[in-house]
Every structure is written in C-alpha cells, then in structure tokens.
C-alpha cells in the first residue's frame, strides 16, 4: 500500500512541475517552469512546426525549426522567435522548452526570460525556482526538488525520492522501495518483496 501511495505522490510531484501560463501573461508567483513531459524526459523539448502566437508582437506566426541554429523561427519572415505561445496557453522558449511563469517584461516592454530563474548558454539551460533546480544539456537532464532527484541521459535515467529508487537503461529497469524490488530485463519482469 505504501508503494501505491508513493507512486501517486511521485506523480503529484511531477504534476507540481507542470502548469500553465495565464492567458494575460502576467508574472506569476508559482514554481512552475517546465512541463511534466520535459521534466520526466518522456518528451524531449523540440521545435514543433505549427501556428503559434509570438509573445512579443501578439501576431500569429507559423513556427519552423531553423536548420542552421535549431531554434524556432517565423517561416514567413525568416526571423527568430524568442518566445511564443501554443494553443494551450503554454509559453515556449526558442529551444522548444516550455517556460511558463519564467518570463518577465523588460524595461523596453518586451517579454524576456527571467534571468533569476533561467540561464541559457548555447544549448545549455539552467532553471532555478525555489528549491527546484533543472539543468538541460543536449539530451542530458538533471532535476532536483528537495529530496527528489532525476537524471536522464538519452534512454538512460535514474530517479530517487526517499527510499524509492528507479533506474532505466533502454528497455531494462530496476525499481526499489523499502517493500519491493522490481527488475525488468530482456522483456521479463521479476518482483521480489523485501524481507
């Protein structure tokens, strides 16, 4: 029973990291900066071609991935788009990372990343909000929130929260709690209660 409660708690923790930006695009006082997909690594940040709203101009733009930089750009004007909004109201950075509540108005009146929460250096992104820290470097990602830790590298990941530990390597995985060990290897799953 503890395992089920813990798994639900883990899902809720991931849910805390997901959220939406207000339609008015006000500065919000929340801890949300990435979607659950980006945090869990189940959906790598990417530029998805489609119709969006440029956050700074308010105009509808058709976003495509710039073949040279890999960043979002307006397909008609052929200019970079720093921040844009999708149909669900999420604010997206030019790299494809959802940055809800991590943007502020500059003195010039344009929307920019809140540098107290987000640092960008080439392909590297660091996000800090309260006790939550997220680092993204290519296909590697680290998340730390209190005692919770998640580390991904391609199809490998490690997750730890208290006595819960999970390790994934491709299709193989191991899960350990204070009550059970679960191992999946070569398509076979073994469950062993702890003594």
Foldseek 3Di string as FASTA:
>chain_A
DVVVVVVVVVVVVLVLQADAADPVNDQDQGQHFFHSCCVVVVDPQADDFAWWAQQFPRDIFTWDQDPVQRWTDGPPVRGGRQWTADPVRFIAGRHRTGGHSQWDADPVGGIDGNVVAWDDDRQWIWGDDPQWIWIDHPSWIWIDHPQWIWIDDVQWIWIDDPQWIKTTDNPWIWIGHQFWIWTADPNDIDIDTDD
